[in-house]
Amino acid sequence: MIDRMTQFGIRVCRLADRLPSKSSSWVLAKQVIRSATSVGANYQEAQRSRSNKEFVSKLYLCLQEAEESRHWLRTINGAGEGGDVEVDLLIKEASELIAILVASINTMRKRS
């Protein structure tokens, strides 16, 4: 799972590098890079949790960052800055990561 999240962040960084060099694109790129790379970083931290409660809390952080990433990707798409299939694929990947995280959170909460 961590590899998938890391690859998501890398793919978003590559997309951001291809955005036009306008100030609005720069702001969108900065936001989406920050949130997309945070998904994997927070998941890595979750793996070192000392309790189920801490693990679920860190998964919620991952979920928030994945949802924020999806928001910025949709904004890039809506602003016409993405312009290719990669943005749609990244939105789909963010949605799949969100679904996985929600399922994981629900499973862990049932165990507690």
PDB file of N, CA and C in Angstrom:
ATOM      1  N   MET A   1       0.814  -1.189   0.000  1.00  0.00           N
ATOM      2  CA  MET A   1       0.000   0.000   0.000  1.00  0.00           C
ATOM      3  C   MET A   1       0.864   1.262   0.000  1.00  0.00           C
ATOM      4  N   ILE A   2       1.946   1.248   0.784  1.00  0.00           N
ATOM      5  CA  ILE A   2       2.809   2.428   0.841  1.00  0.00           C
ATOM      6  C   ILE A   2       3.413   2.720  -0.527  1.00  0.00           C
ATOM      7  N   ASP A   3       3.740   1.670  -1.281  1.00  0.00           N
ATOM      8  CA  ASP A   3       4.295   1.885  -2.625  1.00  0.00           C
ATOM      9  C   ASP A   3       3.275   2.565  -3.528  1.00  0.00           C
ATOM     10  N   ARG A   4       2.041   2.166  -3.419  1.00  0.00           N
ATOM     11  CA  ARG A   4       0.990   2.769  -4.240  1.00  0.00           C
ATOM     12  C   ARG A   4       0.813   4.247  -3.888  1.00  0.00           C
ATOM     13  N   MET A   5       0.862   4.551  -2.606  1.00  0.00           N
ATOM     14  CA  MET A   5       0.723   5.938  -2.169  1.00  0.00           C
ATOM     15  C   MET A   5       1.931   6.775  -2.587  1.00  0.00           C
ATOM     16  N   THR A   6       3.099   6.170  -2.509  1.00  0.00           N
ATOM     17  CA  THR A   6       4.312   6.870  -2.939  1.00  0.00           C
ATOM     18  C   THR A   6       4.254   7.145  -4.435  1.00  0.00           C
ATOM     19  N   GLN A   7       3.834   6.166  -5.208  1.00  0.00           N
ATOM     20  CA  GLN A   7       3.719   6.355  -6.656  1.00  0.00           C
ATOM     21  C   GLN A   7       2.686   7.425  -6.991  1.00  0.00           C
ATOM     22  N   PHE A   8       1.620   7.493  -6.216  1.00  0.00           N
ATOM     23  CA  PHE A   8       0.616   8.543  -6.411  1.00  0.00           C
ATOM     24  C   PHE A   8       1.275   9.915  -6.266  1.00  0.00           C
ATOM     25  N   GLY A   9       2.047  10.091  -5.207  1.00  0.00           N
ATOM     26  CA  GLY A   9       2.734  11.359  -4.991  1.00  0.00           C
ATOM     27  C   GLY A   9       3.704  11.693  -6.111  1.00  0.00           C
ATOM     28  N   ILE A  10       4.435  10.700  -6.579  1.00  0.00           N
ATOM     29  CA  ILE A  10       5.399  10.903  -7.671  1.00  0.00           C
ATOM     30  C   ILE A  10       4.677  11.298  -8.950  1.00  0.00           C
ATOM     31  N   ARG A  11       3.585  10.607  -9.253  1.00  0.00           N
ATOM     32  CA  ARG A  11       2.828  10.926 -10.474  1.00  0.00           C
ATOM     33  C   ARG A  11       2.246  12.334 -10.420  1.00  0.00           C
ATOM     34  N   VAL A  12       1.797  12.745  -9.244  1.00  0.00           N
ATOM     35  CA  VAL A  12       1.276  14.104  -9.091  1.00  0.00           C
ATOM     36  C   VAL A  12       2.395  15.123  -9.280  1.00  0.00           C
ATOM     37  N   CYS A  13       3.570  14.847  -8.742  1.00  0.00           N
ATOM     38  CA  CYS A  13       4.716  15.755  -8.936  1.00  0.00           C
ATOM     39  C   CYS A  13       5.052  15.898 -10.413  1.00  0.00           C
ATOM     40  N   ARG A  14       5.028  14.806 -11.126  1.00  0.00           N
ATOM     41  CA  ARG A  14       5.307  14.860 -12.570  1.00  0.00           C
ATOM     42  C   ARG A  14       4.245  15.664 -13.312  1.00  0.00           C
ATOM     43  N   LEU A  15       3.005  15.500 -12.921  1.00  0.00           N
ATOM     44  CA  LEU A  15       1.932  16.293 -13.519  1.00  0.00           C
ATOM     45  C   LEU A  15       2.160  17.777 -13.231  1.00  0.00           C
ATOM     46  N   ALA A  16       2.472  18.098 -11.998  1.00  0.00           N
ATOM     47  CA  ALA A  16       2.674  19.497 -11.609  1.00  0.00           C
ATOM     48  C   ALA A  16       3.807  20.133 -12.407  1.00  0.00           C
ATOM     49  N   ASP A  17       4.837  19.357 -12.696  1.00  0.00           N
ATOM     50  CA  ASP A  17       5.957  19.871 -13.491  1.00  0.00           C
ATOM     51  C   ASP A  17       5.526  20.241 -14.909  1.00  0.00           C
ATOM     52  N   ARG A  18       4.460  19.625 -15.398  1.00  0.00           N
ATOM     53  CA  ARG A  18       3.993  19.881 -16.769  1.00  0.00           C
ATOM     54  C   ARG A  18       2.978  21.024 -16.860  1.00  0.00           C
ATOM     55  N   LEU A  19       2.531  21.530 -15.722  1.00  0.00           N
ATOM     56  CA  LEU A  19       1.549  22.610 -15.750  1.00  0.00           C
ATOM     57  C   LEU A  19       2.188  23.885 -16.296  1.00  0.00           C
ATOM     58  N   PRO A  20       1.374  24.740 -16.922  1.00  0.00           N
ATOM     59  CA  PRO A  20       1.903  26.006 -17.443  1.00  0.00           C
ATOM     60  C   PRO A  20       2.527  26.842 -16.321  1.00  0.00           C
ATOM     61  N   SER A  21       3.424  27.721 -16.678  1.00  0.00           N
ATOM     62  CA  SER A  21       4.133  28.508 -15.664  1.00  0.00           C
ATOM     63  C   SER A  21       3.412  29.827 -15.347  1.00  0.00           C
ATOM     64  N   LYS A  22       2.104  29.771 -15.204  1.00  0.00           N
ATOM     65  CA  LYS A  22       1.322  30.922 -14.764  1.00  0.00           C
ATOM     66  C   LYS A  22       1.245  30.892 -13.238  1.00  0.00           C
ATOM     67  N   SER A  23       0.994  32.029 -12.646  1.00  0.00           N
ATOM     68  CA  SER A  23       0.937  32.073 -11.182  1.00  0.00           C
ATOM     69  C   SER A  23      -0.185  31.201 -10.624  1.00  0.00           C
ATOM     70  N   SER A  24      -1.340  31.164 -11.298  1.00  0.00           N
ATOM     71  CA  SER A  24      -2.440  30.328 -10.799  1.00  0.00           C
ATOM     72  C   SER A  24      -2.084  28.849 -10.881  1.00  0.00           C
ATOM     73  N   SER A  25      -1.412  28.451 -11.932  1.00  0.00           N
ATOM     74  CA  SER A  25      -0.987  27.057 -12.074  1.00  0.00           C
ATOM     75  C   SER A  25       0.046  26.702 -11.011  1.00  0.00           C
ATOM     76  N   TRP A  26       0.918  27.668 -10.708  1.00  0.00           N
ATOM     77  CA  TRP A  26       1.949  27.425  -9.697  1.00  0.00           C
ATOM     78  C   TRP A  26       1.308  27.168  -8.334  1.00  0.00           C
ATOM     79  N   VAL A  27       0.280  27.955  -8.009  1.00  0.00           N
ATOM     80  CA  VAL A  27      -0.416  27.779  -6.735  1.00  0.00           C
ATOM     81  C   VAL A  27      -1.087  26.411  -6.683  1.00  0.00           C
ATOM     82  N   LEU A  28      -1.763  26.029  -7.752  1.00  0.00           N
ATOM     83  CA  LEU A  28      -2.415  24.715  -7.800  1.00  0.00           C
ATOM     84  C   LEU A  28      -1.389  23.597  -7.694  1.00  0.00           C
ATOM     85  N   ALA A  29      -0.277  23.743  -8.402  1.00  0.00           N
ATOM     86  CA  ALA A  29       0.773  22.725  -8.373  1.00  0.00           C
ATOM     87  C   ALA A  29       1.326  22.562  -6.963  1.00  0.00           C
ATOM     88  N   LYS A  30       1.582  23.666  -6.310  1.00  0.00           N
ATOM     89  CA  LYS A  30       2.130  23.623  -4.953  1.00  0.00           C
ATOM     90  C   LYS A  30       1.173  22.918  -3.997  1.00  0.00           C
ATOM     91  N   GLN A  31      -0.110  23.235  -4.102  1.00  0.00           N
ATOM     92  CA  GLN A  31      -1.111  22.639  -3.219  1.00  0.00           C
ATOM     93  C   GLN A  31      -1.243  21.129  -3.445  1.00  0.00           C
ATOM     94  N   VAL A  32      -1.337  20.729  -4.708  1.00  0.00           N
ATOM     95  CA  VAL A  32      -1.554  19.311  -4.996  1.00  0.00           C
ATOM     96  C   VAL A  32      -0.305  18.492  -4.666  1.00  0.00           C
ATOM     97  N   ILE A  33       0.868  19.054  -4.872  1.00  0.00           N
ATOM     98  CA  ILE A  33       2.096  18.332  -4.508  1.00  0.00           C
ATOM     99  C   ILE A  33       2.125  18.100  -3.001  1.00  0.00           C
ATOM    100  N   ARG A  34       1.821  19.153  -2.240  1.00  0.00           N
ATOM    101  CA  ARG A  34       1.869  19.040  -0.785  1.00  0.00           C
ATOM    102  C   ARG A  34       0.910  17.963  -0.277  1.00  0.00           C
ATOM    103  N   SER A  35      -0.326  18.006  -0.760  1.00  0.00           N
ATOM    104  CA  SER A  35      -1.309  17.045  -0.250  1.00  0.00           C
ATOM    105  C   SER A  35      -1.043  15.624  -0.750  1.00  0.00           C
ATOM    106  N   ALA A  36      -0.675  15.485  -2.011  1.00  0.00           N
ATOM    107  CA  ALA A  36      -0.472  14.140  -2.575  1.00  0.00           C
ATOM    108  C   ALA A  36       0.730  13.431  -1.959  1.00  0.00           C
ATOM    109  N   THR A  37       1.787  14.163  -1.691  1.00  0.00           N
ATOM    110  CA  THR A  37       2.965  13.521  -1.081  1.00  0.00           C
ATOM    111  C   THR A  37       2.739  13.251   0.401  1.00  0.00           C
ATOM    112  N   SER A  38       1.809  13.972   1.011  1.00  0.00           N
ATOM    113  CA  SER A  38       1.498  13.747   2.421  1.00  0.00           C
ATOM    114  C   SER A  38       0.732  12.455   2.660  1.00  0.00           C
ATOM    115  N   VAL A  39       0.027  11.976   1.653  1.00  0.00           N
ATOM    116  CA  VAL A  39      -0.739  10.729   1.815  1.00  0.00           C
ATOM    117  C   VAL A  39       0.213   9.599   2.218  1.00  0.00           C
ATOM    118  N   GLY A  40       1.239   9.397   1.435  1.00  0.00           N
ATOM    119  CA  GLY A  40       2.195   8.326   1.723  1.00  0.00           C
ATOM    120  C   GLY A  40       2.998   8.571   2.987  1.00  0.00           C
ATOM    121  N   ALA A  41       3.372   9.823   3.221  1.00  0.00           N
ATOM    122  CA  ALA A  41       4.148  10.146   4.424  1.00  0.00           C
ATOM    123  C   ALA A  41       3.349   9.841   5.688  1.00  0.00           C
ATOM    124  N   ASN A  42       2.082  10.211   5.683  1.00  0.00           N
ATOM    125  CA  ASN A  42       1.243   9.933   6.853  1.00  0.00           C
ATOM    126  C   ASN A  42       0.969   8.446   7.012  1.00  0.00           C
ATOM    127  N   TYR A  43       0.844   7.736   5.900  1.00  0.00           N
ATOM    128  CA  TYR A  43       0.631   6.290   5.988  1.00  0.00           C
ATOM    129  C   TYR A  43       1.875   5.609   6.572  1.00  0.00           C
ATOM    130  N   GLN A  44       3.046   6.091   6.167  1.00  0.00           N
ATOM    131  CA  GLN A  44       4.296   5.559   6.720  1.00  0.00           C
ATOM    132  C   GLN A  44       4.326   5.763   8.235  1.00  0.00           C
ATOM    133  N   GLU A  45       3.906   6.932   8.694  1.00  0.00           N
ATOM    134  CA  GLU A  45       3.838   7.189  10.134  1.00  0.00           C
ATOM    135  C   GLU A  45       2.818   6.275  10.809  1.00  0.00           C
ATOM    136  N   ALA A  46       1.707   6.021  10.136  1.00  0.00           N
ATOM    137  CA  ALA A  46       0.676   5.152  10.709  1.00  0.00           C
ATOM    138  C   ALA A  46       1.224   3.755  10.975  1.00  0.00           C
ATOM    139  N   GLN A  47       2.123   3.310  10.128  1.00  0.00           N
ATOM    140  CA  GLN A  47       2.702   1.978  10.291  1.00  0.00           C
ATOM    141  C   GLN A  47       3.491   1.847  11.597  1.00  0.00           C
ATOM    142  N   ARG A  48       3.899   2.956  12.156  1.00  0.00           N
ATOM    143  CA  ARG A  48       4.670   2.949  13.398  1.00  0.00           C
ATOM    144  C   ARG A  48       3.834   3.344  14.618  1.00  0.00           C
ATOM    145  N   SER A  49       2.522   3.275  14.475  1.00  0.00           N
ATOM    146  CA  SER A  49       1.628   3.645  15.564  1.00  0.00           C
ATOM    147  C   SER A  49       1.798   2.705  16.745  1.00  0.00           C
ATOM    148  N   ARG A  50       1.575   3.255  17.930  1.00  0.00           N
ATOM    149  CA  ARG A  50       1.730   2.472  19.154  1.00  0.00           C
ATOM    150  C   ARG A  50       0.432   1.835  19.614  1.00  0.00           C
ATOM    151  N   SER A  51      -0.681   2.243  18.989  1.00  0.00           N
ATOM    152  CA  SER A  51      -1.974   1.675  19.376  1.00  0.00           C
ATOM    153  C   SER A  51      -2.925   1.729  18.181  1.00  0.00           C
ATOM    154  N   ASN A  52      -4.007   0.974  18.297  1.00  0.00           N
ATOM    155  CA  ASN A  52      -5.030   1.016  17.239  1.00  0.00           C
ATOM    156  C   ASN A  52      -5.632   2.412  17.123  1.00  0.00           C
ATOM    157  N   LYS A  53      -5.833   3.079  18.252  1.00  0.00           N
ATOM    158  CA  LYS A  53      -6.403   4.419  18.245  1.00  0.00           C
ATOM    159  C   LYS A  53      -5.485   5.392  17.501  1.00  0.00           C
ATOM    160  N   GLU A  54      -4.204   5.310  17.763  1.00  0.00           N
ATOM    161  CA  GLU A  54      -3.242   6.169  17.065  1.00  0.00           C
ATOM    162  C   GLU A  54      -3.191   5.830  15.575  1.00  0.00           C
ATOM    163  N   PHE A  55      -3.268   4.541  15.251  1.00  0.00           N
ATOM    164  CA  PHE A  55      -3.257   4.107  13.859  1.00  0.00           C
ATOM    165  C   PHE A  55      -4.452   4.693  13.101  1.00  0.00           C
ATOM    166  N   VAL A  56      -5.635   4.599  13.692  1.00  0.00           N
ATOM    167  CA  VAL A  56      -6.841   5.130  13.057  1.00  0.00           C
ATOM    168  C   VAL A  56      -6.718   6.644  12.895  1.00  0.00           C
ATOM    169  N   SER A  57      -6.192   7.309  13.888  1.00  0.00           N
ATOM    170  CA  SER A  57      -6.011   8.757  13.805  1.00  0.00           C
ATOM    171  C   SER A  57      -5.107   9.139  12.639  1.00  0.00           C
ATOM    172  N   LYS A  58      -4.039   8.402  12.451  1.00  0.00           N
ATOM    173  CA  LYS A  58      -3.117   8.688  11.350  1.00  0.00           C
ATOM    174  C   LYS A  58      -3.738   8.316   9.995  1.00  0.00           C
ATOM    175  N   LEU A  59      -4.557   7.274   9.980  1.00  0.00           N
ATOM    176  CA  LEU A  59      -5.267   6.945   8.741  1.00  0.00           C
ATOM    177  C   LEU A  59      -6.232   8.066   8.354  1.00  0.00           C
ATOM    178  N   TYR A  60      -6.837   8.695   9.353  1.00  0.00           N
ATOM    179  CA  TYR A  60      -7.706   9.839   9.070  1.00  0.00           C
ATOM    180  C   TYR A  60      -6.918  10.977   8.418  1.00  0.00           C
ATOM    181  N   LEU A  61      -5.679  11.175   8.869  1.00  0.00           N
ATOM    182  CA  LEU A  61      -4.833  12.197   8.229  1.00  0.00           C
ATOM    183  C   LEU A  61      -4.579  11.833   6.770  1.00  0.00           C
ATOM    184  N   CYS A  62      -4.292  10.571   6.514  1.00  0.00           N
ATOM    185  CA  CYS A  62      -4.094  10.107   5.135  1.00  0.00           C
ATOM    186  C   CYS A  62      -5.348  10.376   4.305  1.00  0.00           C
ATOM    187  N   LEU A  63      -6.483  10.051   4.880  1.00  0.00           N
ATOM    188  CA  LEU A  63      -7.759  10.244   4.198  1.00  0.00           C
ATOM    189  C   LEU A  63      -7.987  11.721   3.865  1.00  0.00           C
ATOM    190  N   GLN A  64      -7.722  12.590   4.812  1.00  0.00           N
ATOM    191  CA  GLN A  64      -7.890  14.029   4.571  1.00  0.00           C
ATOM    192  C   GLN A  64      -6.985  14.499   3.436  1.00  0.00           C
ATOM    193  N   GLU A  65      -5.739  14.047   3.430  1.00  0.00           N
ATOM    194  CA  GLU A  65      -4.804  14.463   2.384  1.00  0.00           C
ATOM    195  C   GLU A  65      -5.199  13.899   1.021  1.00  0.00           C
ATOM    196  N   ALA A  66      -5.704  12.667   1.003  1.00  0.00           N
ATOM    197  CA  ALA A  66      -6.150  12.069  -0.263  1.00  0.00           C
ATOM    198  C   ALA A  66      -7.367  12.831  -0.808  1.00  0.00           C
ATOM    199  N   GLU A  67      -8.287  13.195   0.084  1.00  0.00           N
ATOM    200  CA  GLU A  67      -9.453  13.968  -0.349  1.00  0.00           C
ATOM    201  C   GLU A  67      -9.043  15.351  -0.838  1.00  0.00           C
ATOM    202  N   GLU A  68      -8.091  15.973  -0.148  1.00  0.00           N
ATOM    203  CA  GLU A  68      -7.606  17.278  -0.591  1.00  0.00           C
ATOM    204  C   GLU A  68      -6.907  17.162  -1.949  1.00  0.00           C
ATOM    205  N   SER A  69      -6.139  16.112  -2.128  1.00  0.00           N
ATOM    206  CA  SER A  69      -5.469  15.893  -3.411  1.00  0.00           C
ATOM    207  C   SER A  69      -6.485  15.776  -4.536  1.00  0.00           C
ATOM    208  N   ARG A  70      -7.537  15.007  -4.279  1.00  0.00           N
ATOM    209  CA  ARG A  70      -8.581  14.843  -5.292  1.00  0.00           C
ATOM    210  C   ARG A  70      -9.223  16.193  -5.612  1.00  0.00           C
ATOM    211  N   HIS A  71      -9.437  17.001  -4.590  1.00  0.00           N
ATOM    212  CA  HIS A  71      -9.996  18.332  -4.803  1.00  0.00           C
ATOM    213  C   HIS A  71      -9.094  19.164  -5.719  1.00  0.00           C
ATOM    214  N   TRP A  72      -7.792  19.201  -5.429  1.00  0.00           N
ATOM    215  CA  TRP A  72      -6.879  20.015  -6.239  1.00  0.00           C
ATOM    216  C   TRP A  72      -6.774  19.469  -7.652  1.00  0.00           C
ATOM    217  N   LEU A  73      -6.800  18.162  -7.807  1.00  0.00           N
ATOM    218  CA  LEU A  73      -6.755  17.581  -9.151  1.00  0.00           C
ATOM    219  C   LEU A  73      -8.004  17.956  -9.942  1.00  0.00           C
ATOM    220  N   ARG A  74      -9.149  17.920  -9.284  1.00  0.00           N
ATOM    221  CA  ARG A  74     -10.389  18.333  -9.950  1.00  0.00           C
ATOM    222  C   ARG A  74     -10.336  19.822 -10.316  1.00  0.00           C
ATOM    223  N   THR A  75      -9.740  20.614  -9.449  1.00  0.00           N
ATOM    224  CA  THR A  75      -9.597  22.051  -9.731  1.00  0.00           C
ATOM    225  C   THR A  75      -8.686  22.265 -10.933  1.00  0.00           C
ATOM    226  N   ILE A  76      -7.577  21.547 -10.980  1.00  0.00           N
ATOM    227  CA  ILE A  76      -6.663  21.625 -12.124  1.00  0.00           C
ATOM    228  C   ILE A  76      -7.403  21.236 -13.394  1.00  0.00           C
ATOM    229  N   ASN A  77      -8.157  20.164 -13.313  1.00  0.00           N
ATOM    230  CA  ASN A  77      -8.934  19.697 -14.463  1.00  0.00           C
ATOM    231  C   ASN A  77      -9.962  20.737 -14.886  1.00  0.00           C
ATOM    232  N   GLY A  78     -10.679  21.289 -13.924  1.00  0.00           N
ATOM    233  CA  GLY A  78     -11.708  22.271 -14.206  1.00  0.00           C
ATOM    234  C   GLY A  78     -11.158  23.574 -14.768  1.00  0.00           C
ATOM    235  N   ALA A  79      -9.937  23.912 -14.345  1.00  0.00           N
ATOM    236  CA  ALA A  79      -9.311  25.144 -14.839  1.00  0.00           C
ATOM    237  C   ALA A  79      -8.700  24.947 -16.219  1.00  0.00           C
ATOM    238  N   GLY A  80      -8.780  23.718 -16.722  1.00  0.00           N
ATOM    239  CA  GLY A  80      -8.230  23.427 -18.040  1.00  0.00           C
ATOM    240  C   GLY A  80      -6.715  23.363 -18.059  1.00  0.00           C
ATOM    241  N   GLU A  81      -6.117  23.198 -16.870  1.00  0.00           N
ATOM    242  CA  GLU A  81      -4.662  23.181 -16.787  1.00  0.00           C
ATOM    243  C   GLU A  81      -4.073  21.788 -17.023  1.00  0.00           C
ATOM    244  N   GLY A  82      -4.849  20.759 -16.706  1.00  0.00           N
ATOM    245  CA  GLY A  82      -4.319  19.403 -16.850  1.00  0.00           C
ATOM    246  C   GLY A  82      -4.215  18.984 -18.297  1.00  0.00           C
ATOM    247  N   GLY A  83      -5.344  19.043 -18.957  1.00  0.00           N
ATOM    248  CA  GLY A  83      -5.389  18.818 -20.381  1.00  0.00           C
ATOM    249  C   GLY A  83      -5.024  17.444 -20.891  1.00  0.00           C
ATOM    250  N   ASP A  84      -4.927  16.462 -20.029  1.00  0.00           N
ATOM    251  CA  ASP A  84      -4.629  15.128 -20.534  1.00  0.00           C
ATOM    252  C   ASP A  84      -5.291  14.057 -19.683  1.00  0.00           C
ATOM    253  N   VAL A  85      -5.165  12.854 -20.131  1.00  0.00           N
ATOM    254  CA  VAL A  85      -5.783  11.709 -19.461  1.00  0.00           C
ATOM    255  C   VAL A  85      -5.169  11.478 -18.086  1.00  0.00           C
ATOM    256  N   GLU A  86      -3.933  11.887 -17.887  1.00  0.00           N
ATOM    257  CA  GLU A  86      -3.253  11.645 -16.612  1.00  0.00           C
ATOM    258  C   GLU A  86      -3.998  12.272 -15.438  1.00  0.00           C
ATOM    259  N   VAL A  87      -4.570  13.437 -15.619  1.00  0.00           N
ATOM    260  CA  VAL A  87      -5.316  14.072 -14.530  1.00  0.00           C
ATOM    261  C   VAL A  87      -6.520  13.203 -14.152  1.00  0.00           C
ATOM    262  N   ASP A  88      -7.241  12.712 -15.146  1.00  0.00           N
ATOM    263  CA  ASP A  88      -8.379  11.838 -14.870  1.00  0.00           C
ATOM    264  C   ASP A  88      -7.933  10.559 -14.165  1.00  0.00           C
ATOM    265  N   LEU A  89      -6.814  10.009 -14.577  1.00  0.00           N
ATOM    266  CA  LEU A  89      -6.292   8.800 -13.928  1.00  0.00           C
ATOM    267  C   LEU A  89      -5.887   9.075 -12.486  1.00  0.00           C
ATOM    268  N   LEU A  90      -5.314  10.244 -12.240  1.00  0.00           N
ATOM    269  CA  LEU A  90      -4.922  10.598 -10.880  1.00  0.00           C
ATOM    270  C   LEU A  90      -6.142  10.849  -9.997  1.00  0.00           C
ATOM    271  N   ILE A  91      -7.179  11.423 -10.558  1.00  0.00           N
ATOM    272  CA  ILE A  91      -8.422  11.599  -9.803  1.00  0.00           C
ATOM    273  C   ILE A  91      -9.006  10.235  -9.441  1.00  0.00           C
ATOM    274  N   LYS A  92      -8.970   9.325 -10.395  1.00  0.00           N
ATOM    275  CA  LYS A  92      -9.452   7.961 -10.144  1.00  0.00           C
ATOM    276  C   LYS A  92      -8.607   7.282  -9.064  1.00  0.00           C
ATOM    277  N   GLU A  93      -7.292   7.433  -9.141  1.00  0.00           N
ATOM    278  CA  GLU A  93      -6.406   6.833  -8.138  1.00  0.00           C
ATOM    279  C   GLU A  93      -6.665   7.429  -6.760  1.00  0.00           C
ATOM    280  N   ALA A  94      -6.853   8.733  -6.684  1.00  0.00           N
ATOM    281  CA  ALA A  94      -7.164   9.367  -5.400  1.00  0.00           C
ATOM    282  C   ALA A  94      -8.466   8.797  -4.839  1.00  0.00           C
ATOM    283  N   SER A  95      -9.460   8.622  -5.696  1.00  0.00           N
ATOM    284  CA  SER A  95     -10.744   8.060  -5.260  1.00  0.00           C
ATOM    285  C   SER A  95     -10.574   6.634  -4.750  1.00  0.00           C
ATOM    286  N   GLU A  96      -9.742   5.851  -5.414  1.00  0.00           N
ATOM    287  CA  GLU A  96      -9.498   4.474  -4.968  1.00  0.00           C
ATOM    288  C   GLU A  96      -8.749   4.460  -3.640  1.00  0.00           C
ATOM    289  N   LEU A  97      -7.770   5.340  -3.468  1.00  0.00           N
ATOM    290  CA  LEU A  97      -7.056   5.424  -2.197  1.00  0.00           C
ATOM    291  C   LEU A  97      -8.007   5.834  -1.078  1.00  0.00           C
ATOM    292  N   ILE A  98      -8.895   6.747  -1.373  1.00  0.00           N
ATOM    293  CA  ILE A  98      -9.893   7.175  -0.387  1.00  0.00           C
ATOM    294  C   ILE A  98     -10.763   5.994   0.025  1.00  0.00           C
ATOM    295  N   ALA A  99     -11.226   5.216  -0.924  1.00  0.00           N
ATOM    296  CA  ALA A  99     -12.066   4.052  -0.626  1.00  0.00           C
ATOM    297  C   ALA A  99     -11.314   3.035   0.233  1.00  0.00           C
ATOM    298  N   ILE A 100     -10.058   2.801  -0.092  1.00  0.00           N
ATOM    299  CA  ILE A 100      -9.236   1.860   0.678  1.00  0.00           C
ATOM    300  C   ILE A 100      -9.047   2.367   2.107  1.00  0.00           C
ATOM    301  N   LEU A 101      -8.763   3.651   2.239  1.00  0.00           N
ATOM    302  CA  LEU A 101      -8.547   4.224   3.570  1.00  0.00           C
ATOM    303  C   LEU A 101      -9.821   4.187   4.404  1.00  0.00           C
ATOM    304  N   VAL A 102     -10.952   4.491   3.799  1.00  0.00           N
ATOM    305  CA  VAL A 102     -12.228   4.433   4.521  1.00  0.00           C
ATOM    306  C   VAL A 102     -12.491   3.005   4.994  1.00  0.00           C
ATOM    307  N   ALA A 103     -12.268   2.036   4.136  1.00  0.00           N
ATOM    308  CA  ALA A 103     -12.471   0.632   4.516  1.00  0.00           C
ATOM    309  C   ALA A 103     -11.526   0.230   5.650  1.00  0.00           C
ATOM    310  N   SER A 104     -10.288   0.661   5.573  1.00  0.00           N
ATOM    311  CA  SER A 104      -9.313   0.353   6.625  1.00  0.00           C
ATOM    312  C   SER A 104      -9.709   0.984   7.951  1.00  0.00           C
ATOM    313  N   ILE A 105     -10.134   2.235   7.896  1.00  0.00           N
ATOM    314  CA  ILE A 105     -10.571   2.925   9.117  1.00  0.00           C
ATOM    315  C   ILE A 105     -11.767   2.202   9.729  1.00  0.00           C
ATOM    316  N   ASN A 106     -12.737   1.840   8.905  1.00  0.00           N
ATOM    317  CA  ASN A 106     -13.926   1.146   9.413  1.00  0.00           C
ATOM    318  C   ASN A 106     -13.565  -0.191  10.032  1.00  0.00           C
ATOM    319  N   THR A 107     -12.658  -0.916   9.399  1.00  0.00           N
ATOM    320  CA  THR A 107     -12.219  -2.207   9.940  1.00  0.00           C
ATOM    321  C   THR A 107     -11.538  -2.035  11.293  1.00  0.00           C
ATOM    322  N   MET A 108     -10.648  -1.057  11.387  1.00  0.00           N
ATOM    323  CA  MET A 108      -9.929  -0.837  12.635  1.00  0.00           C
ATOM    324  C   MET A 108     -10.858  -0.339  13.738  1.00  0.00           C
ATOM    325  N   ARG A 109     -11.824   0.473  13.387  1.00  0.00           N
ATOM    326  CA  ARG A 109     -12.766   0.972  14.404  1.00  0.00           C
ATOM    327  C   ARG A 109     -13.630  -0.159  14.949  1.00  0.00           C
ATOM    328  N   LYS A 110     -13.967  -1.140  14.110  1.00  0.00           N
ATOM    329  CA  LYS A 110     -14.762  -2.280  14.565  1.00  0.00           C
ATOM    330  C   LYS A 110     -13.960  -3.129  15.540  1.00  0.00           C
ATOM    331  N   ARG A 111     -12.650  -3.184  15.338  1.00  0.00           N
ATOM    332  CA  ARG A 111     -11.793  -3.976  16.205  1.00  0.00           C
ATOM    333  C   ARG A 111     -11.621  -3.342  17.586  1.00  0.00           C
ATOM    334  N   SER A 112     -11.791  -2.039  17.665  1.00  0.00           N
ATOM    335  CA  SER A 112     -11.570  -1.342  18.939  1.00  0.00           C
ATOM    336  C   SER A 112     -12.754  -1.404  19.856  1.00  0.00           C
TER     337      SER A 112
END
